[in-house]
């Protein structure tokens, strides 16, 4: 185990999984946008509501995140808080990663 709490394999796995997790999350967002646009109301209201929503969503880790080793745990916790992933999505990671995430996630 590296000093930062995860192995080289964990880091490689994280880099591999992030695009999959983000794609699934963005698919969820698109479905929510469709519901928003399909609802009742004026087209202009729906347009501006969608624009506001996209502005908010584009800053979420489920859409974009900085891929750095030093940010890996913070990114995992943010992805969990945003509902992008669950602890089960970390099954392939080392026990050290899962335990550290469990401990850190208890803080919120």
Foldseek 3Di string as FASTA:
>chain_A
DDPLQFDPVQLVVLVVCLVVLLVVVVVVVVVVLVVLCPDDDDNVVSVVVSVVVCVVVCPQLSNPDDRDPNCSLVSVLSCVVVVSDDLVVCVPGDPRSSVVNVVVNVVD
